Amino acid sequence: MPGCPHPDCGKPFRSPSALRKHLRIHTREKPFVCPYEGCRSAFAQSGDRKRHLRIHTGEKPFVCPYEGCRYSCAQPGPLTSHLRVHTGERPFVCRYEDCRYAFTQPGALTSHLRVHTREKPFVCPREGCGYAAATSGDRTKHLSVHSGEKPFVCPRQGCRYASGRPDLLKKHLSVHSGEKPFVCPWTSCRYESGRPDLLKKHLSIHSGEKPFVCLYEDCGRRFTQSGTRNKHLRTHTREKHLACSQAGGGRAFAHSGALTRHLHLRTEKKGVGCPHDSGGHWSVPSSDLQRHLQRHLLVHAGEKPFACPHEDGAKRFNQPGALKTHQDKAL
């Protein structure tokens, strides 16, 4: 049985051909080159090149066997991960006590563990920024703050919405379609949404589940959403990661809403004021703060459009935040 002659290896093989394949690990030889023009990929094994070629051909031979599911992929690994969507299997479990999170993929678990360790290895390359993130995706989203580029534009005629991120554009498009196919299954609850992630967040109101625990000892607060927990953590860290981009600004904020209001104050765009108040409440011509003014006007109109789903609409509120506070107390 031939063995690897490389120092400190000595691995045995059943055939000379298997030994030759193995030796390329040590020599770093990559004789199998991609034939597509402009592609410089090369591989040590012919099987690796064969899998790579599917990127160019678009071939997806690995098909989900579940009826009605049209998922297919070029590699067997992603199909294995996808099947867990149907089976509900989550084999990658968080090892921290009192944390009940489990995942379908090991990479998702690795990212989640940084919530506990507070590790943030992905640092913003912008000089003087100091932003760091637990995932590369979060850093990518952050970089659009510096570039100011918004290449993802709403195709709806007359809509000027643009974003630096494709996921935000996808969420925005549900505003135009008006479709809300994701309906709350709870009896007497009339909630429906155009996005599955919003329905998932809504369901935690009924279940009372609060899986996101504050990481600081002697705090003990729990939250239904990770974003709310992350905002809460800044009360401990006093982190202010959102810096004012205006020249001479020098200020930083913990929450995006505070930064938005600050920027409009600096550019002196005090647009629409409350007609019932002597300047105490105001808004600017941005969709976010205009919405705040519209909500504020409900106080004067006496309207209470936000009904508690647990009491058949008997308990109503004029602000969504007041409804959420009421529901949290009821849980």
Protein backbone atom coordinates (compact mmCIF):
# COMPACT_ATOMS: atom_id res chain seq x y z
CA MET A 1 0.00 0.00 0.00
CA PRO A 2 1.71 3.23 -1.16
CA GLY A 3 2.15 6.01 1.36
CA CYS A 4 2.60 9.76 1.04
CA PRO A 5 6.35 10.54 0.91
CA HIS A 6 5.83 14.10 2.13
CA PRO A 7 7.49 14.83 5.52
CA ASP A 8 5.14 14.64 8.53
CA CYS A 9 2.35 13.09 6.44
CA GLY A 10 2.84 9.40 5.57
CA LYS A 11 -0.88 8.86 4.82
CA PRO A 12 -1.44 5.44 3.20
CA PHE A 13 -3.44 4.94 -0.04
CA ARG A 14 -4.91 1.90 -1.75
CA SER A 15 -3.88 2.92 -5.27
CA PRO A 16 -1.22 5.03 -7.00
CA SER A 17 -3.94 7.22 -8.57
CA ALA A 18 -5.32 8.11 -5.13
CA LEU A 19 -1.78 8.97 -3.99
CA ARG A 20 -1.28 11.23 -7.03
CA LYS A 21 -4.48 13.14 -6.20
CA HIS A 22 -3.40 13.52 -2.60
CA LEU A 23 0.07 14.83 -3.50
CA ARG A 24 -1.51 17.91 -5.12
CA ILE A 25 -2.44 19.05 -1.61
CA HIS A 26 1.28 19.37 -0.84
CA THR A 27 2.45 20.60 -4.26
CA ARG A 28 -0.58 22.94 -4.65
CA GLU A 29 -0.75 21.85 -8.28
CA LYS A 30 -4.06 22.73 -9.99
CA PRO A 31 -4.05 21.16 -13.45
CA PHE A 32 -7.82 21.31 -14.04
CA VAL A 33 -8.49 24.78 -15.46
CA CYS A 34 -11.91 26.32 -16.16
CA PRO A 35 -12.33 26.55 -19.98
CA TYR A 36 -14.59 29.62 -19.88
CA GLU A 37 -13.01 32.80 -21.19
CA GLY A 38 -12.27 35.34 -18.50
CA CYS A 39 -12.50 32.80 -15.67
CA ARG A 40 -9.18 32.05 -14.01
CA SER A 41 -10.37 29.28 -11.68
CA ALA A 42 -8.24 26.15 -11.46
CA PHE A 43 -8.62 23.02 -9.37
CA ALA A 44 -6.60 20.15 -7.99
CA GLN A 45 -9.32 17.58 -8.76
CA SER A 46 -11.47 17.08 -11.87
CA GLY A 47 -14.59 16.66 -9.71
CA ASP A 48 -14.09 20.13 -8.23
CA ARG A 49 -13.89 21.63 -11.73
CA LYS A 50 -17.04 19.77 -12.76
CA ARG A 51 -18.97 21.31 -9.85
CA HIS A 52 -17.54 24.74 -10.65
CA LEU A 53 -18.69 24.57 -14.29
CA ARG A 54 -22.31 24.55 -13.12
CA ILE A 55 -21.84 28.21 -12.17
CA HIS A 56 -21.35 28.96 -15.88
CA THR A 57 -23.88 26.52 -17.32
CA GLY A 58 -26.61 27.26 -14.77
CA GLU A 59 -27.18 23.53 -14.32
CA LYS A 60 -28.95 22.64 -11.04
CA PRO A 61 -29.25 18.85 -10.90
CA PHE A 62 -30.06 18.61 -7.17
CA VAL A 63 -33.84 19.05 -6.89
CA CYS A 64 -36.01 19.21 -3.77
CA PRO A 65 -38.19 16.05 -3.63
CA TYR A 66 -41.07 17.73 -1.77
CA GLU A 67 -44.21 18.16 -3.85
CA GLY A 68 -44.91 21.75 -4.83
CA CYS A 69 -41.38 22.93 -3.99
CA ARG A 70 -39.37 24.12 -6.98
CA TYR A 71 -36.03 24.53 -5.22
CA SER A 72 -32.96 23.22 -7.02
CA CYS A 73 -29.24 23.86 -6.69
CA ALA A 74 -25.88 23.10 -8.23
CA GLN A 75 -24.34 21.36 -5.20
CA PRO A 76 -25.62 18.67 -2.80
CA GLY A 77 -24.69 20.64 0.34
CA PRO A 78 -27.22 23.47 -0.15
CA LEU A 79 -29.94 20.90 -0.87
CA THR A 80 -29.25 19.19 2.46
CA SER A 81 -29.61 22.53 4.23
CA HIS A 82 -32.78 23.35 2.27
CA LEU A 83 -34.49 20.08 3.19
CA ARG A 84 -34.42 21.17 6.84
CA VAL A 85 -36.94 23.87 5.91
CA HIS A 86 -39.43 21.06 5.27
CA THR A 87 -38.38 18.69 8.05
CA GLY A 88 -38.00 21.39 10.70
CA GLU A 89 -34.67 19.88 11.75
CA ARG A 90 -32.29 22.34 13.47
CA PRO A 91 -29.21 20.32 14.44
CA PHE A 92 -26.91 23.26 15.26
CA VAL A 93 -27.85 24.29 18.80
CA CYS A 94 -26.55 27.23 20.83
CA ARG A 95 -24.43 25.93 23.71
CA TYR A 96 -25.21 28.82 26.07
CA GLU A 97 -27.49 28.13 29.02
CA ASP A 98 -30.97 29.70 28.84
CA CYS A 99 -30.58 30.27 25.10
CA ARG A 100 -32.98 28.14 23.11
CA TYR A 101 -31.78 29.02 19.63
CA ALA A 102 -31.03 26.32 17.07
CA PHE A 103 -30.18 26.61 13.38
CA THR A 104 -30.32 24.69 10.13
CA GLN A 105 -26.80 25.70 9.09
CA PRO A 106 -23.48 25.85 11.01
CA GLY A 107 -22.66 29.32 9.65
CA ALA A 108 -25.83 30.75 11.20
CA LEU A 109 -24.84 29.27 14.57
CA THR A 110 -21.35 30.78 14.29
CA SER A 111 -22.85 34.22 13.67
CA HIS A 112 -25.32 33.77 16.54
CA LEU A 113 -22.59 32.84 19.04
CA ARG A 114 -21.06 36.28 18.57
CA VAL A 115 -24.16 37.70 20.25
CA HIS A 116 -22.97 35.98 23.43
CA THR A 117 -19.22 36.53 23.00
CA ARG A 118 -19.73 40.11 21.71
CA GLU A 119 -17.07 39.41 19.10
CA LYS A 120 -17.22 41.82 16.15
CA PRO A 121 -14.50 40.79 13.68
CA PHE A 122 -15.85 42.69 10.65
CA VAL A 123 -14.49 46.23 10.94
CA CYS A 124 -15.45 49.19 8.76
CA PRO A 125 -12.43 50.15 6.62
CA ARG A 126 -13.43 53.83 6.63
CA GLU A 127 -10.83 55.83 8.54
CA GLY A 128 -12.17 57.29 11.76
CA CYS A 129 -15.41 55.31 11.68
CA GLY A 130 -14.80 52.60 14.28
CA TYR A 131 -17.87 50.56 13.32
CA ALA A 132 -17.52 46.81 13.78
CA ALA A 133 -20.07 44.06 13.16
CA ALA A 134 -20.61 40.45 14.10
CA THR A 135 -21.37 39.42 10.50
CA SER A 136 -19.99 40.43 7.11
CA GLY A 137 -23.53 41.13 5.94
CA ASP A 138 -24.06 43.76 8.63
CA ARG A 139 -20.81 45.44 7.66
CA THR A 140 -21.85 45.47 3.99
CA LYS A 141 -25.13 47.13 4.94
CA HIS A 142 -23.24 49.69 7.03
CA LEU A 143 -20.88 50.64 4.18
CA SER A 144 -23.77 52.15 2.22
CA VAL A 145 -23.91 54.86 4.92
CA HIS A 146 -20.50 56.12 3.76
CA SER A 147 -20.88 55.65 0.01
CA GLY A 148 -24.30 57.27 -0.15
CA GLU A 149 -25.03 55.12 -3.21
CA LYS A 150 -28.61 53.94 -3.67
CA PRO A 151 -28.59 51.80 -6.82
CA PHE A 152 -31.74 49.85 -5.95
CA VAL A 153 -34.56 52.05 -7.25
CA CYS A 154 -38.30 51.45 -7.00
CA PRO A 155 -39.67 50.72 -10.51
CA ARG A 156 -43.09 52.15 -9.62
CA GLN A 157 -43.80 55.26 -11.70
CA GLY A 158 -43.84 58.39 -9.57
CA CYS A 159 -42.12 56.71 -6.60
CA ARG A 160 -38.71 58.13 -5.78
CA TYR A 161 -37.70 55.45 -3.27
CA ALA A 162 -34.12 54.22 -3.62
CA SER A 163 -31.94 52.16 -1.32
CA GLY A 164 -28.39 50.99 -0.93
CA ARG A 165 -29.62 47.48 -0.16
CA PRO A 166 -31.70 45.08 -2.31
CA ASP A 167 -33.46 43.58 0.74
CA LEU A 168 -34.87 46.98 1.71
CA LEU A 169 -36.16 47.56 -1.82
CA LYS A 170 -37.88 44.17 -1.74
CA LYS A 171 -39.61 45.10 1.52
CA HIS A 172 -40.60 48.50 0.10
CA LEU A 173 -42.29 46.98 -2.96
CA SER A 174 -44.93 45.34 -0.76
CA VAL A 175 -46.20 48.87 -0.01
CA HIS A 176 -47.26 49.27 -3.66
CA SER A 177 -48.64 45.80 -4.30
CA GLY A 178 -51.01 46.02 -1.34
CA GLU A 179 -51.00 42.22 -1.15
CA LYS A 180 -50.98 40.76 2.34
CA PRO A 181 -50.91 36.99 1.92
CA PHE A 182 -49.36 36.26 5.33
CA VAL A 183 -52.28 36.05 7.75
CA CYS A 184 -52.18 35.52 11.51
CA PRO A 185 -53.70 32.08 12.31
CA TRP A 186 -54.98 33.15 15.75
CA THR A 187 -58.78 33.31 16.11
CA SER A 188 -60.20 36.86 16.33
CA CYS A 189 -56.87 38.37 15.22
CA ARG A 190 -57.14 40.18 11.92
CA TYR A 191 -53.45 40.88 11.41
CA GLU A 192 -52.09 40.30 7.92
CA SER A 193 -48.86 41.34 6.22
CA GLY A 194 -47.12 41.45 2.90
CA ARG A 195 -43.95 40.04 4.44
CA PRO A 196 -43.37 36.71 6.22
CA ASP A 197 -40.77 38.19 8.59
CA LEU A 198 -43.31 40.69 9.94
CA LEU A 199 -45.85 37.91 10.52
CA LYS A 200 -43.21 35.93 12.41
CA LYS A 201 -42.53 38.94 14.66
CA HIS A 202 -46.26 39.47 15.18
CA LEU A 203 -46.84 35.86 16.30
CA SER A 204 -44.55 36.40 19.29
CA ILE A 205 -47.25 38.74 20.68
CA HIS A 206 -49.63 35.79 20.96
CA SER A 207 -47.12 33.15 22.05
CA GLY A 208 -45.54 35.38 24.68
CA GLU A 209 -42.17 33.94 23.74
CA LYS A 210 -39.22 36.22 24.45
CA PRO A 211 -36.13 34.28 23.37
CA PHE A 212 -33.73 37.24 23.22
CA VAL A 213 -32.15 37.69 26.65
CA CYS A 214 -30.05 40.67 27.77
CA LEU A 215 -26.44 39.52 27.95
CA TYR A 216 -25.63 41.60 31.02
CA GLU A 217 -25.79 39.98 34.45
CA ASP A 218 -28.29 41.36 36.94
CA CYS A 219 -30.45 42.72 34.13
CA GLY A 220 -32.68 39.81 33.18
CA ARG A 221 -34.73 41.62 30.52
CA ARG A 222 -36.08 39.53 27.66
CA PHE A 223 -37.34 40.57 24.24
CA THR A 224 -39.45 39.17 21.44
CA GLN A 225 -37.15 40.52 18.72
CA SER A 226 -33.38 40.58 18.33
CA GLY A 227 -33.44 44.18 17.08
CA THR A 228 -35.16 45.36 20.25
CA ARG A 229 -32.61 43.50 22.36
CA ASN A 230 -29.74 45.07 20.38
CA LYS A 231 -31.15 48.55 21.00
CA HIS A 232 -31.49 47.72 24.69
CA LEU A 233 -27.85 46.58 24.88
CA ARG A 234 -26.76 50.08 23.93
CA THR A 235 -28.19 51.34 27.21
CA HIS A 236 -25.47 49.23 28.86
CA THR A 237 -22.62 49.86 26.39
CA ARG A 238 -23.57 53.48 25.64
CA GLU A 239 -22.44 52.71 22.11
CA LYS A 240 -23.27 55.39 19.54
CA HIS A 241 -22.36 53.83 16.22
CA LEU A 242 -24.32 56.15 13.91
CA ALA A 243 -22.22 59.23 13.20
CA CYS A 244 -23.45 62.50 11.72
CA SER A 245 -22.13 62.81 8.15
CA GLN A 246 -22.47 66.58 7.98
CA ALA A 247 -19.27 68.64 8.01
CA GLY A 248 -18.54 69.84 11.52
CA GLY A 249 -21.25 67.60 12.95
CA GLY A 250 -19.14 65.52 15.31
CA ARG A 251 -22.14 63.91 17.00
CA ALA A 252 -23.07 60.25 17.11
CA PHE A 253 -26.28 58.46 18.01
CA ALA A 254 -27.38 55.06 19.24
CA HIS A 255 -30.57 54.91 17.14
CA SER A 256 -31.27 55.73 13.49
CA GLY A 257 -34.35 57.80 14.31
CA ALA A 258 -32.33 60.17 16.48
CA LEU A 259 -29.73 60.56 13.73
CA THR A 260 -32.44 61.27 11.12
CA ARG A 261 -34.00 64.01 13.24
CA HIS A 262 -30.57 65.50 13.97
CA LEU A 263 -29.63 65.64 10.27
CA HIS A 264 -32.83 67.48 9.37
CA LEU A 265 -32.26 69.96 12.18
CA ARG A 266 -28.73 70.68 10.89
CA THR A 267 -29.94 71.22 7.32
CA GLU A 268 -32.75 73.46 8.63
CA LYS A 269 -35.57 71.60 6.89
CA LYS A 270 -38.33 72.05 9.40
CA GLY A 271 -41.13 71.27 7.03
CA VAL A 272 -44.63 70.63 8.32
CA GLY A 273 -45.66 71.72 11.81
CA CYS A 274 -48.61 70.50 13.85
CA PRO A 275 -51.56 72.88 13.16
CA HIS A 276 -52.90 72.28 16.69
CA ASP A 277 -49.68 73.24 18.44
CA SER A 278 -47.53 76.35 18.66
CA GLY A 279 -44.45 74.65 17.25
CA GLY A 280 -44.20 71.95 19.90
CA HIS A 281 -44.56 69.14 17.35
CA TRP A 282 -43.15 69.31 13.86
CA SER A 283 -42.12 67.11 10.99
CA VAL A 284 -39.93 67.40 7.93
CA PRO A 285 -40.64 66.31 4.36
CA SER A 286 -39.27 62.80 4.74
CA SER A 287 -41.53 59.76 4.67
CA ASP A 288 -40.44 58.65 8.14
CA LEU A 289 -41.03 61.91 10.01
CA GLN A 290 -44.18 62.75 8.03
CA ARG A 291 -45.54 59.48 9.38
CA HIS A 292 -44.74 60.62 12.91
CA LEU A 293 -46.74 63.81 12.34
CA GLN A 294 -49.69 61.85 10.96
CA ARG A 295 -49.67 59.64 14.05
CA HIS A 296 -49.46 62.70 16.29
CA LEU A 297 -52.54 64.25 14.62
CA LEU A 298 -54.59 61.24 15.78
CA VAL A 299 -54.26 62.63 19.32
CA HIS A 300 -56.21 65.72 18.29
CA ALA A 301 -58.69 63.85 16.07
CA GLY A 302 -59.55 61.40 18.85
CA GLU A 303 -59.08 58.43 16.49
CA LYS A 304 -57.86 55.13 17.91
CA PRO A 305 -57.21 52.81 14.95
CA PHE A 306 -54.89 50.39 16.75
CA ALA A 307 -57.00 47.68 18.42
CA CYS A 308 -55.80 44.95 20.78
CA PRO A 309 -56.46 41.57 19.08
CA HIS A 310 -56.84 39.81 22.45
CA GLU A 311 -59.93 41.78 23.50
CA ASP A 312 -61.98 41.65 20.26
CA GLY A 313 -61.10 45.28 19.58
CA ALA A 314 -62.57 46.62 22.84
CA LYS A 315 -59.27 48.17 23.88
CA ARG A 316 -57.99 50.68 21.32
CA PHE A 317 -55.05 53.09 21.05
CA ASN A 318 -54.07 56.08 18.93
CA GLN A 319 -50.40 55.03 18.66
CA PRO A 320 -48.88 51.65 17.70
CA GLY A 321 -46.30 52.04 20.46
CA ALA A 322 -49.06 52.35 23.06
CA LEU A 323 -50.66 49.16 21.74
CA LYS A 324 -47.33 47.29 21.95
CA THR A 325 -46.80 48.49 25.54
CA HIS A 326 -50.30 47.28 26.45
CA GLN A 327 -49.67 43.87 24.87
CA ASP A 328 -46.32 43.46 26.65
CA LYS A 329 -48.02 44.13 30.00
CA ALA A 330 -50.75 41.63 29.21
CA LEU A 331 -48.28 38.83 28.49
